[in-house]
Amino acid sequence: MPLVVTNNPAPATPALANPASDIRDIAPPVDIPNPWAWLWWTLVAFAVIAAAVLLWKRWQKRKESVLVTPPLPPHVRAKMKLLEALSLISQPKPFVIAVSDTARHYLEERFEFHAPERTTEEFLHELQRTDLLTSDQKESLGRFLESCDLVKFAKYEPGESELRELHASAVQLVEETEPMRAADSSENSALRTPHSALK
């Protein structure tokens, strides 16, 4: 049988791959985003902001409590209001209302009378049963309140000299009944009504 020679060589047997070169490193874990993570971060941010606001408010309150000045004593407030009332002296009724209300509120705060809510008769009746004022002070106060009532309710219009006398009576009442204390020259100069203004 004749030998047949072909031009196509037989396919070469592929070489076996090196099994050691085919091993790869383990891939690192893949981060899977948590859909709720933004919510937690938002809550943390709100908590930090709320804590900062609370601390700031507490600091402001502490700062304000340090800066708050103690309230003025009743006799000091009364003297200030009586000085302010002088600006109304050209209007008898508003002036007398301001002066008498100041005296009544002062007595209420100073001696715990119920002066503003009571009529003059009721107040004077209560006044007679107390020993907080001298008999001269009670008599002077009675005349003062009755004179004020004439202007407030009887439409009596006194002249400026009478109004200044009423004002002087109110100032005298406050000065005679204020608590005994060391004289404060700055307070006296600022709050005492000059005698020239009362004449």
N, C-alpha and C. Protein backbone atom coordinates (compact mmCIF):
# COMPACT_ATOMS: atom_id res chain seq x y z
N MET A 1 0.87 -1.16 0.00
CA MET A 1 0.00 0.00 0.00
C MET A 1 0.90 1.20 0.00
N PRO A 2 0.53 2.17 -0.82
CA PRO A 2 1.45 3.30 -0.94
C PRO A 2 1.32 4.19 0.27
N LEU A 3 2.35 4.86 0.63
CA LEU A 3 2.42 5.77 1.79
C LEU A 3 1.93 7.13 1.32
N VAL A 4 0.90 7.64 2.05
CA VAL A 4 0.33 8.94 1.67
C VAL A 4 0.87 9.97 2.64
N VAL A 5 1.45 11.02 2.05
CA VAL A 5 2.01 12.10 2.88
C VAL A 5 1.08 13.30 2.77
N THR A 6 0.63 13.84 3.87
CA THR A 6 -0.26 15.02 3.85
C THR A 6 0.49 16.24 4.33
N ASN A 7 0.01 17.37 3.90
CA ASN A 7 0.65 18.63 4.32
C ASN A 7 0.17 19.10 5.70
N ASN A 8 -0.91 18.55 6.16
CA ASN A 8 -1.43 18.98 7.48
C ASN A 8 -0.81 18.13 8.57
N PRO A 9 0.05 18.73 9.31
CA PRO A 9 0.64 17.93 10.39
C PRO A 9 -0.38 17.66 11.46
N ALA A 10 -0.19 16.67 12.18
CA ALA A 10 -1.11 16.32 13.26
C ALA A 10 -1.04 17.37 14.33
N PRO A 11 -2.16 17.71 14.88
CA PRO A 11 -2.15 18.76 15.95
C PRO A 11 -1.34 18.29 17.12
N ALA A 12 -0.59 19.24 17.58
CA ALA A 12 0.26 18.92 18.74
C ALA A 12 -0.61 18.85 19.97
N THR A 13 -0.26 17.98 20.83
CA THR A 13 -1.00 17.84 22.09
C THR A 13 -0.66 19.03 22.98
N PRO A 14 -1.69 19.76 23.38
CA PRO A 14 -1.39 20.95 24.22
C PRO A 14 -0.72 20.54 25.49
N ALA A 15 0.19 21.42 25.90
CA ALA A 15 0.91 21.14 27.15
C ALA A 15 -0.01 21.40 28.32
N LEU A 16 0.08 20.60 29.26
CA LEU A 16 -0.74 20.77 30.47
C LEU A 16 -0.34 22.07 31.18
N ALA A 17 -1.36 22.82 31.54
CA ALA A 17 -1.10 24.09 32.27
C ALA A 17 -0.55 23.77 33.63
N ASN A 18 0.32 24.70 34.10
CA ASN A 18 0.93 24.52 35.43
C ASN A 18 -0.14 24.81 36.48
N PRO A 19 -0.50 23.80 37.25
CA PRO A 19 -1.58 24.02 38.23
C PRO A 19 -1.19 25.08 39.27
N ALA A 20 0.07 25.27 39.60
CA ALA A 20 0.45 26.25 40.63
C ALA A 20 0.23 27.66 40.14
N SER A 21 0.36 27.91 38.81
CA SER A 21 0.21 29.27 38.30
C SER A 21 -1.25 29.66 38.15
N ASP A 22 -2.17 28.75 38.30
CA ASP A 22 -3.60 29.02 38.12
C ASP A 22 -4.27 29.44 39.44
N ILE A 23 -3.58 29.40 40.60
CA ILE A 23 -4.19 29.74 41.90
C ILE A 23 -4.11 31.26 42.08
N ARG A 24 -5.22 31.90 42.41
CA ARG A 24 -5.27 33.33 42.62
C ARG A 24 -5.56 33.65 44.11
N ASP A 25 -5.18 34.93 44.55
CA ASP A 25 -5.48 35.33 45.93
C ASP A 25 -6.99 35.49 46.12
N ILE A 26 -7.42 35.34 47.40
CA ILE A 26 -8.84 35.52 47.72
C ILE A 26 -9.17 37.00 47.62
N ALA A 27 -10.25 37.31 46.94
CA ALA A 27 -10.65 38.72 46.76
C ALA A 27 -11.11 39.28 48.11
N PRO A 28 -10.79 40.57 48.39
CA PRO A 28 -11.25 41.17 49.65
C PRO A 28 -12.77 41.28 49.68
N PRO A 29 -13.35 41.41 50.88
CA PRO A 29 -14.82 41.48 50.95
C PRO A 29 -15.31 42.77 50.29
N VAL A 30 -16.44 42.68 49.69
CA VAL A 30 -17.03 43.82 49.01
C VAL A 30 -17.97 44.53 49.98
N ASP A 31 -17.78 45.88 50.13
CA ASP A 31 -18.67 46.64 51.00
C ASP A 31 -20.03 46.79 50.34
N ILE A 32 -21.02 46.36 51.07
CA ILE A 32 -22.39 46.51 50.58
C ILE A 32 -23.00 47.69 51.34
N PRO A 33 -23.37 48.78 50.67
CA PRO A 33 -23.89 49.96 51.38
C PRO A 33 -25.17 49.65 52.14
N ASN A 34 -25.22 50.18 53.40
CA ASN A 34 -26.40 49.99 54.24
C ASN A 34 -27.38 51.13 53.93
N PRO A 35 -28.58 50.83 53.49
CA PRO A 35 -29.51 51.91 53.15
C PRO A 35 -29.94 52.74 54.35
N TRP A 36 -29.74 52.25 55.60
CA TRP A 36 -30.15 52.98 56.80
C TRP A 36 -29.01 53.78 57.41
N ALA A 37 -27.82 53.73 56.83
CA ALA A 37 -26.67 54.42 57.43
C ALA A 37 -26.89 55.93 57.48
N TRP A 38 -27.47 56.51 56.43
CA TRP A 38 -27.69 57.96 56.41
C TRP A 38 -28.62 58.39 57.54
N LEU A 39 -29.59 57.51 57.85
CA LEU A 39 -30.52 57.85 58.93
C LEU A 39 -29.80 57.92 60.26
N TRP A 40 -28.91 56.98 60.53
CA TRP A 40 -28.18 56.97 61.80
C TRP A 40 -27.27 58.18 61.90
N TRP A 41 -26.59 58.52 60.82
CA TRP A 41 -25.72 59.69 60.85
C TRP A 41 -26.52 60.98 61.06
N THR A 42 -27.70 61.05 60.45
CA THR A 42 -28.56 62.22 60.65
C THR A 42 -28.99 62.34 62.11
N LEU A 43 -29.37 61.20 62.72
CA LEU A 43 -29.78 61.22 64.12
C LEU A 43 -28.62 61.63 65.03
N VAL A 44 -27.44 61.14 64.73
CA VAL A 44 -26.26 61.51 65.53
C VAL A 44 -26.00 63.00 65.41
N ALA A 45 -26.12 63.53 64.18
CA ALA A 45 -25.89 64.97 63.98
C ALA A 45 -26.91 65.80 64.75
N PHE A 46 -28.19 65.39 64.72
CA PHE A 46 -29.22 66.11 65.47
C PHE A 46 -28.95 66.05 66.97
N ALA A 47 -28.52 64.89 67.44
CA ALA A 47 -28.23 64.75 68.88
C ALA A 47 -27.10 65.69 69.30
N VAL A 48 -26.06 65.78 68.48
CA VAL A 48 -24.94 66.67 68.79
C VAL A 48 -25.39 68.12 68.79
N ILE A 49 -26.20 68.50 67.79
CA ILE A 49 -26.69 69.88 67.73
C ILE A 49 -27.58 70.19 68.92
N ALA A 50 -28.48 69.25 69.28
CA ALA A 50 -29.37 69.48 70.43
C ALA A 50 -28.59 69.63 71.72
N ALA A 51 -27.58 68.81 71.90
CA ALA A 51 -26.75 68.92 73.10
C ALA A 51 -26.03 70.25 73.15
N ALA A 52 -25.54 70.70 72.00
CA ALA A 52 -24.84 71.99 71.96
C ALA A 52 -25.80 73.14 72.28
N VAL A 53 -27.03 73.07 71.76
CA VAL A 53 -28.02 74.13 72.04
C VAL A 53 -28.37 74.15 73.52
N LEU A 54 -28.59 72.98 74.11
CA LEU A 54 -28.93 72.92 75.54
C LEU A 54 -27.80 73.47 76.40
N LEU A 55 -26.58 73.11 76.08
CA LEU A 55 -25.45 73.64 76.84
C LEU A 55 -25.34 75.15 76.70
N TRP A 56 -25.60 75.66 75.49
CA TRP A 56 -25.53 77.10 75.28
C TRP A 56 -26.61 77.83 76.08
N LYS A 57 -27.85 77.28 76.08
CA LYS A 57 -28.94 77.91 76.84
C LYS A 57 -28.65 77.88 78.33
N ARG A 58 -28.13 76.77 78.82
CA ARG A 58 -27.80 76.68 80.25
C ARG A 58 -26.72 77.70 80.61
N TRP A 59 -25.75 77.87 79.73
CA TRP A 59 -24.69 78.85 79.98
C TRP A 59 -25.26 80.26 79.98
N GLN A 60 -26.21 80.54 79.04
CA GLN A 60 -26.82 81.87 78.98
C GLN A 60 -27.62 82.15 80.25
N LYS A 61 -28.38 81.15 80.75
CA LYS A 61 -29.16 81.36 81.97
C LYS A 61 -28.26 81.61 83.15
N ARG A 62 -27.18 80.86 83.24
CA ARG A 62 -26.23 81.06 84.34
C ARG A 62 -25.62 82.45 84.25
N LYS A 63 -25.31 82.88 83.02
CA LYS A 63 -24.74 84.21 82.83
C LYS A 63 -25.73 85.29 83.22
N GLU A 64 -27.02 85.10 82.83
CA GLU A 64 -28.04 86.08 83.17
C GLU A 64 -28.28 86.13 84.67
N SER A 65 -28.27 84.97 85.33
CA SER A 65 -28.51 84.96 86.77
C SER A 65 -27.41 85.70 87.52
N VAL A 66 -26.21 85.70 86.96
CA VAL A 66 -25.12 86.43 87.60
C VAL A 66 -25.31 87.93 87.38
N LEU A 67 -25.83 88.31 86.19
CA LEU A 67 -25.96 89.72 85.86
C LEU A 67 -27.22 90.37 86.42
N VAL A 68 -28.19 89.56 86.88
CA VAL A 68 -29.45 90.12 87.38
C VAL A 68 -29.17 90.90 88.66
N THR A 69 -29.64 92.14 88.68
CA THR A 69 -29.44 92.96 89.86
C THR A 69 -30.60 92.72 90.83
N PRO A 70 -30.35 92.79 92.11
CA PRO A 70 -31.43 92.58 93.07
C PRO A 70 -32.47 93.69 92.95
N PRO A 71 -33.73 93.39 93.25
CA PRO A 71 -34.77 94.42 93.12
C PRO A 71 -34.54 95.56 94.10
N LEU A 72 -34.96 96.74 93.70
CA LEU A 72 -34.81 97.91 94.56
C LEU A 72 -35.77 97.80 95.75
N PRO A 73 -35.36 98.28 96.90
CA PRO A 73 -36.26 98.27 98.06
C PRO A 73 -37.48 99.15 97.80
N PRO A 74 -38.59 98.91 98.52
CA PRO A 74 -39.81 99.68 98.29
C PRO A 74 -39.63 101.19 98.43
N HIS A 75 -38.86 101.63 99.44
CA HIS A 75 -38.73 103.07 99.64
C HIS A 75 -37.95 103.73 98.49
N VAL A 76 -37.02 103.00 97.90
CA VAL A 76 -36.26 103.56 96.77
C VAL A 76 -37.17 103.68 95.55
N ARG A 77 -37.95 102.63 95.27
CA ARG A 77 -38.89 102.69 94.14
C ARG A 77 -39.91 103.79 94.34
N ALA A 78 -40.40 103.95 95.58
CA ALA A 78 -41.40 104.98 95.85
C ALA A 78 -40.83 106.37 95.59
N LYS A 79 -39.59 106.61 96.03
CA LYS A 79 -38.99 107.92 95.80
C LYS A 79 -38.80 108.19 94.30
N MET A 80 -38.42 107.17 93.57
CA MET A 80 -38.25 107.34 92.12
C MET A 80 -39.59 107.69 91.46
N LYS A 81 -40.66 106.99 91.86
CA LYS A 81 -41.97 107.26 91.27
C LYS A 81 -42.48 108.64 91.66
N LEU A 82 -42.19 109.07 92.89
CA LEU A 82 -42.61 110.40 93.30
C LEU A 82 -41.87 111.48 92.51
N LEU A 83 -40.61 111.24 92.22
CA LEU A 83 -39.88 112.19 91.37
C LEU A 83 -40.48 112.24 89.97
N GLU A 84 -40.84 111.08 89.44
CA GLU A 84 -41.44 111.03 88.10
C GLU A 84 -42.79 111.74 88.08
N ALA A 85 -43.52 111.66 89.20
CA ALA A 85 -44.85 112.27 89.26
C ALA A 85 -44.80 113.78 89.10
N LEU A 86 -43.69 114.39 89.45
CA LEU A 86 -43.58 115.85 89.32
C LEU A 86 -43.77 116.33 87.88
N SER A 87 -43.52 115.46 86.93
CA SER A 87 -43.72 115.85 85.53
C SER A 87 -45.20 116.03 85.20
N LEU A 88 -46.10 115.55 86.08
CA LEU A 88 -47.54 115.66 85.84
C LEU A 88 -48.18 116.79 86.65
N ILE A 89 -47.39 117.62 87.29
CA ILE A 89 -47.95 118.59 88.23
C ILE A 89 -48.86 119.60 87.56
N SER A 90 -48.75 119.79 86.27
CA SER A 90 -49.65 120.70 85.56
C SER A 90 -51.02 120.07 85.30
N GLN A 91 -51.16 118.77 85.58
CA GLN A 91 -52.43 118.06 85.41
C GLN A 91 -52.84 117.52 86.78
N PRO A 92 -53.66 118.24 87.52
CA PRO A 92 -53.94 117.88 88.92
C PRO A 92 -54.39 116.44 89.15
N LYS A 93 -55.38 115.99 88.39
CA LYS A 93 -55.91 114.65 88.67
C LYS A 93 -54.88 113.55 88.39
N PRO A 94 -54.24 113.52 87.20
CA PRO A 94 -53.21 112.48 86.98
C PRO A 94 -52.07 112.58 87.99
N PHE A 95 -51.71 113.80 88.38
CA PHE A 95 -50.63 113.97 89.36
C PHE A 95 -51.02 113.37 90.70
N VAL A 96 -52.22 113.70 91.17
CA VAL A 96 -52.67 113.19 92.48
C VAL A 96 -52.83 111.67 92.45
N ILE A 97 -53.32 111.13 91.34
CA ILE A 97 -53.46 109.67 91.23
C ILE A 97 -52.08 109.01 91.32
N ALA A 98 -51.10 109.57 90.62
CA ALA A 98 -49.74 109.00 90.65
C ALA A 98 -49.15 109.08 92.04
N VAL A 99 -49.32 110.20 92.73
CA VAL A 99 -48.74 110.36 94.06
C VAL A 99 -49.43 109.45 95.07
N SER A 100 -50.76 109.43 95.07
CA SER A 100 -51.48 108.60 96.06
C SER A 100 -51.27 107.12 95.80
N ASP A 101 -51.26 106.70 94.52
CA ASP A 101 -51.00 105.29 94.22
C ASP A 101 -49.60 104.88 94.66
N THR A 102 -48.65 105.77 94.48
CA THR A 102 -47.28 105.47 94.92
C THR A 102 -47.23 105.29 96.43
N ALA A 103 -47.90 106.17 97.17
CA ALA A 103 -47.91 106.06 98.64
C ALA A 103 -48.61 104.78 99.07
N ARG A 104 -49.73 104.45 98.46
CA ARG A 104 -50.46 103.24 98.83
C ARG A 104 -49.65 101.98 98.54
N HIS A 105 -49.04 101.92 97.35
CA HIS A 105 -48.24 100.73 97.01
C HIS A 105 -47.01 100.63 97.92
N TYR A 106 -46.43 101.76 98.24
CA TYR A 106 -45.28 101.73 99.15
C TYR A 106 -45.69 101.16 100.51
N LEU A 107 -46.80 101.63 101.06
CA LEU A 107 -47.25 101.14 102.37
C LEU A 107 -47.59 99.65 102.31
N GLU A 108 -48.16 99.22 101.19
CA GLU A 108 -48.48 97.79 101.06
C GLU A 108 -47.20 96.95 101.09
N GLU A 109 -46.20 97.38 100.35
CA GLU A 109 -44.95 96.62 100.32
C GLU A 109 -44.18 96.73 101.63
N ARG A 110 -44.18 97.91 102.19
CA ARG A 110 -43.37 98.14 103.40
C ARG A 110 -43.97 97.48 104.63
N PHE A 111 -45.30 97.58 104.78
CA PHE A 111 -45.94 97.10 106.01
C PHE A 111 -46.96 95.99 105.78
N GLU A 112 -47.06 95.53 104.52
CA GLU A 112 -48.01 94.47 104.16
C GLU A 112 -49.46 94.89 104.44
N PHE A 113 -49.74 96.18 104.20
CA PHE A 113 -51.12 96.63 104.22
C PHE A 113 -51.77 96.24 102.90
N HIS A 114 -53.09 96.25 102.87
CA HIS A 114 -53.81 96.01 101.61
C HIS A 114 -54.36 97.34 101.12
N ALA A 115 -53.45 98.29 100.95
CA ALA A 115 -53.86 99.66 100.64
C ALA A 115 -54.47 99.84 99.25
N PRO A 116 -53.87 99.32 98.18
CA PRO A 116 -54.41 99.63 96.85
C PRO A 116 -55.83 99.12 96.63
N GLU A 117 -56.23 98.00 97.26
CA GLU A 117 -57.54 97.42 96.98
C GLU A 117 -58.64 98.03 97.84
N ARG A 118 -58.31 98.80 98.85
CA ARG A 118 -59.31 99.29 99.79
C ARG A 118 -59.62 100.76 99.58
N THR A 119 -60.83 101.13 100.01
CA THR A 119 -61.16 102.55 99.98
C THR A 119 -60.35 103.26 101.06
N THR A 120 -60.36 104.58 100.98
CA THR A 120 -59.61 105.35 101.98
C THR A 120 -60.15 105.09 103.38
N GLU A 121 -61.46 105.01 103.52
CA GLU A 121 -62.06 104.77 104.85
C GLU A 121 -61.63 103.40 105.38
N GLU A 122 -61.69 102.38 104.54
CA GLU A 122 -61.28 101.03 104.98
C GLU A 122 -59.81 101.01 105.36
N PHE A 123 -59.01 101.68 104.56
CA PHE A 123 -57.58 101.68 104.82
C PHE A 123 -57.26 102.42 106.12
N LEU A 124 -57.88 103.56 106.33
CA LEU A 124 -57.63 104.33 107.55
C LEU A 124 -58.13 103.57 108.78
N HIS A 125 -59.23 102.84 108.63
CA HIS A 125 -59.72 102.02 109.74
C HIS A 125 -58.71 100.93 110.11
N GLU A 126 -58.16 100.28 109.09
CA GLU A 126 -57.13 99.26 109.34
C GLU A 126 -55.88 99.90 109.93
N LEU A 127 -55.58 101.08 109.46
CA LEU A 127 -54.37 101.76 109.91
C LEU A 127 -54.43 102.08 111.41
N GLN A 128 -55.62 102.40 111.91
CA GLN A 128 -55.75 102.76 113.32
C GLN A 128 -55.44 101.58 114.23
N ARG A 129 -55.58 100.36 113.73
CA ARG A 129 -55.37 99.17 114.57
C ARG A 129 -53.92 98.70 114.58
N THR A 130 -53.06 99.38 113.86
CA THR A 130 -51.66 98.96 113.81
C THR A 130 -50.78 99.95 114.54
N ASP A 131 -49.65 99.45 115.03
CA ASP A 131 -48.69 100.33 115.69
C ASP A 131 -47.43 100.53 114.84
N LEU A 132 -47.56 100.26 113.55
CA LEU A 132 -46.41 100.41 112.65
C LEU A 132 -46.12 101.87 112.34
N LEU A 133 -47.13 102.72 112.48
CA LEU A 133 -46.95 104.15 112.27
C LEU A 133 -47.26 104.88 113.57
N THR A 134 -46.64 106.01 113.75
CA THR A 134 -46.94 106.84 114.92
C THR A 134 -48.29 107.51 114.73
N SER A 135 -48.83 108.05 115.81
CA SER A 135 -50.13 108.72 115.71
C SER A 135 -50.04 109.93 114.78
N ASP A 136 -48.92 110.66 114.82
CA ASP A 136 -48.75 111.80 113.92
C ASP A 136 -48.71 111.35 112.46
N GLN A 137 -48.03 110.24 112.20
CA GLN A 137 -47.95 109.73 110.83
C GLN A 137 -49.33 109.27 110.34
N LYS A 138 -50.08 108.63 111.23
CA LYS A 138 -51.43 108.20 110.85
C LYS A 138 -52.31 109.39 110.52
N GLU A 139 -52.22 110.43 111.34
CA GLU A 139 -53.04 111.62 111.12
C GLU A 139 -52.64 112.31 109.81
N SER A 140 -51.35 112.42 109.58
CA SER A 140 -50.86 113.04 108.36
C SER A 140 -51.27 112.24 107.13
N LEU A 141 -51.17 110.93 107.24
CA LEU A 141 -51.55 110.07 106.12
C LEU A 141 -53.04 110.17 105.85
N GLY A 142 -53.84 110.24 106.90
CA GLY A 142 -55.29 110.38 106.72
C GLY A 142 -55.63 111.66 105.97
N ARG A 143 -55.02 112.78 106.37
CA ARG A 143 -55.27 114.06 105.67
C ARG A 143 -54.82 113.98 104.22
N PHE A 144 -53.65 113.32 104.00
CA PHE A 144 -53.12 113.18 102.64
C PHE A 144 -54.10 112.41 101.75
N LEU A 145 -54.58 111.27 102.23
CA LEU A 145 -55.47 110.44 101.40
C LEU A 145 -56.81 111.12 101.16
N GLU A 146 -57.34 111.81 102.17
CA GLU A 146 -58.61 112.51 101.99
C GLU A 146 -58.47 113.65 100.98
N SER A 147 -57.35 114.35 101.04
CA SER A 147 -57.11 115.43 100.05
C SER A 147 -57.00 114.86 98.65
N CYS A 148 -56.34 113.72 98.53
CA CYS A 148 -56.22 113.08 97.21
C CYS A 148 -57.59 112.65 96.70
N ASP A 149 -58.45 112.15 97.59
CA ASP A 149 -59.78 111.73 97.16
C ASP A 149 -60.61 112.90 96.65
N LEU A 150 -60.43 114.07 97.24
CA LEU A 150 -61.16 115.25 96.77
C LEU A 150 -60.83 115.54 95.31
N VAL A 151 -59.57 115.38 94.95
CA VAL A 151 -59.17 115.64 93.57
C VAL A 151 -59.62 114.51 92.66
N LYS A 152 -59.50 113.28 93.13
CA LYS A 152 -59.81 112.13 92.27
C LYS A 152 -61.30 111.95 92.05
N PHE A 153 -62.12 112.20 93.09
CA PHE A 153 -63.54 111.86 92.99
C PHE A 153 -64.48 113.05 93.07
N ALA A 154 -64.07 114.17 93.67
CA ALA A 154 -64.96 115.31 93.81
C ALA A 154 -64.68 116.40 92.80
N LYS A 155 -63.78 116.12 91.85
CA LYS A 155 -63.44 117.06 90.78
C LYS A 155 -62.89 118.39 91.32
N TYR A 156 -62.26 118.31 92.46
CA TYR A 156 -61.62 119.51 93.01
C TYR A 156 -60.27 119.69 92.31
N GLU A 157 -59.96 120.90 91.90
CA GLU A 157 -58.71 121.18 91.20
C GLU A 157 -57.86 122.13 92.04
N PRO A 158 -56.93 121.60 92.80
CA PRO A 158 -56.09 122.46 93.64
C PRO A 158 -55.05 123.18 92.81
N GLY A 159 -54.49 124.23 93.40
CA GLY A 159 -53.41 124.95 92.74
C GLY A 159 -52.10 124.19 92.88
N GLU A 160 -51.08 124.70 92.21
CA GLU A 160 -49.78 124.01 92.22
C GLU A 160 -49.19 123.93 93.63
N SER A 161 -49.40 124.98 94.44
CA SER A 161 -48.83 124.95 95.80
C SER A 161 -49.44 123.82 96.62
N GLU A 162 -50.75 123.58 96.47
CA GLU A 162 -51.39 122.48 97.19
C GLU A 162 -50.88 121.13 96.69
N LEU A 163 -50.70 121.04 95.39
CA LEU A 163 -50.19 119.79 94.83
C LEU A 163 -48.78 119.50 95.34
N ARG A 164 -47.98 120.52 95.45
CA ARG A 164 -46.62 120.32 95.97
C ARG A 164 -46.65 119.94 97.44
N GLU A 165 -47.63 120.45 98.18
CA GLU A 165 -47.76 120.05 99.58
C GLU A 165 -48.14 118.58 99.69
N LEU A 166 -49.04 118.13 98.82
CA LEU A 166 -49.40 116.70 98.80
C LEU A 166 -48.16 115.86 98.47
N HIS A 167 -47.41 116.31 97.49
CA HIS A 167 -46.19 115.59 97.10
C HIS A 167 -45.21 115.54 98.26
N ALA A 168 -45.05 116.67 98.95
CA ALA A 168 -44.13 116.72 100.08
C ALA A 168 -44.58 115.78 101.19
N SER A 169 -45.90 115.68 101.41
CA SER A 169 -46.42 114.77 102.44
C SER A 169 -46.08 113.32 102.09
N ALA A 170 -46.21 112.96 100.81
CA ALA A 170 -45.89 111.59 100.38
C ALA A 170 -44.41 111.31 100.56
N VAL A 171 -43.56 112.27 100.18
CA VAL A 171 -42.12 112.08 100.34
C VAL A 171 -41.76 111.94 101.81
N GLN A 172 -42.36 112.78 102.65
CA GLN A 172 -42.08 112.73 104.09
C GLN A 172 -42.50 111.39 104.68
N LEU A 173 -43.65 110.88 104.26
CA LEU A 173 -44.11 109.58 104.75
C LEU A 173 -43.10 108.48 104.42
N VAL A 174 -42.61 108.49 103.17
CA VAL A 174 -41.64 107.46 102.75
C VAL A 174 -40.35 107.60 103.54
N GLU A 175 -39.86 108.83 103.69
CA GLU A 175 -38.59 109.04 104.38
C GLU A 175 -38.67 108.69 105.87
N GLU A 176 -39.82 108.94 106.47
CA GLU A 176 -39.96 108.65 107.90
C GLU A 176 -40.14 107.17 108.18
N THR A 177 -40.62 106.42 107.20
CA THR A 177 -40.92 105.00 107.44
C THR A 177 -39.97 104.05 106.74
N GLU A 178 -38.99 104.57 106.01
CA GLU A 178 -38.07 103.66 105.35
C GLU A 178 -37.20 102.95 106.39
N PRO A 179 -36.72 101.75 106.08
CA PRO A 179 -35.92 100.99 107.05
C PRO A 179 -34.68 101.76 107.46
N MET A 180 -34.30 101.62 108.72
CA MET A 180 -33.08 102.26 109.20
C MET A 180 -31.89 101.56 108.58
N ARG A 181 -30.97 102.36 108.01
CA ARG A 181 -29.79 101.80 107.38
C ARG A 181 -28.72 102.86 107.32
N ALA A 182 -27.53 102.47 106.94
CA ALA A 182 -26.44 103.43 106.77
C ALA A 182 -26.78 104.34 105.61
N ALA A 183 -26.53 105.61 105.78
CA ALA A 183 -26.86 106.58 104.73
C ALA A 183 -25.97 106.36 103.52
N ASP A 184 -26.61 106.35 102.37
CA ASP A 184 -25.88 106.20 101.12
C ASP A 184 -25.98 107.53 100.39
N SER A 185 -24.89 108.26 100.34
CA SER A 185 -24.92 109.60 99.79
C SER A 185 -25.33 109.61 98.32
N SER A 186 -24.88 108.60 97.55
CA SER A 186 -25.22 108.58 96.13
C SER A 186 -26.71 108.36 95.93
N GLU A 187 -27.29 107.47 96.74
CA GLU A 187 -28.72 107.20 96.64
C GLU A 187 -29.52 108.43 97.05
N ASN A 188 -29.09 109.07 98.14
CA ASN A 188 -29.81 110.24 98.63
C ASN A 188 -29.78 111.37 97.62
N SER A 189 -28.62 111.58 96.99
CA SER A 189 -28.52 112.67 96.02
C SER A 189 -29.35 112.39 94.78
N ALA A 190 -29.50 111.10 94.43
CA ALA A 190 -30.24 110.77 93.22
C ALA A 190 -31.74 110.72 93.45
N LEU A 191 -32.17 110.33 94.67
CA LEU A 191 -33.58 110.05 94.89
C LEU A 191 -34.31 111.07 95.75
N ARG A 192 -33.63 111.80 96.59
CA ARG A 192 -34.31 112.76 97.44
C ARG A 192 -34.78 113.96 96.60
N THR A 193 -36.01 114.36 96.82
CA THR A 193 -36.53 115.51 96.11
C THR A 193 -35.94 116.77 96.70
N PRO A 194 -35.38 117.64 95.91
CA PRO A 194 -34.83 118.89 96.43
C PRO A 194 -35.93 119.70 97.11
N HIS A 195 -35.60 120.31 98.25
CA HIS A 195 -36.60 121.09 98.98
C HIS A 195 -37.09 122.27 98.13
N SER A 196 -36.23 122.77 97.26
CA SER A 196 -36.65 123.88 96.41
C SER A 196 -37.74 123.48 95.44
N ALA A 197 -37.77 122.17 95.07
CA ALA A 197 -38.80 121.71 94.12
C ALA A 197 -40.14 121.57 94.80
N LEU A 198 -40.15 121.43 96.13
CA LEU A 198 -41.41 121.21 96.84
C LEU A 198 -42.05 122.52 97.27
N LYS A 199 -41.38 123.61 97.07
CA LYS A 199 -41.92 124.89 97.51
C LYS A 199 -42.62 125.60 96.35
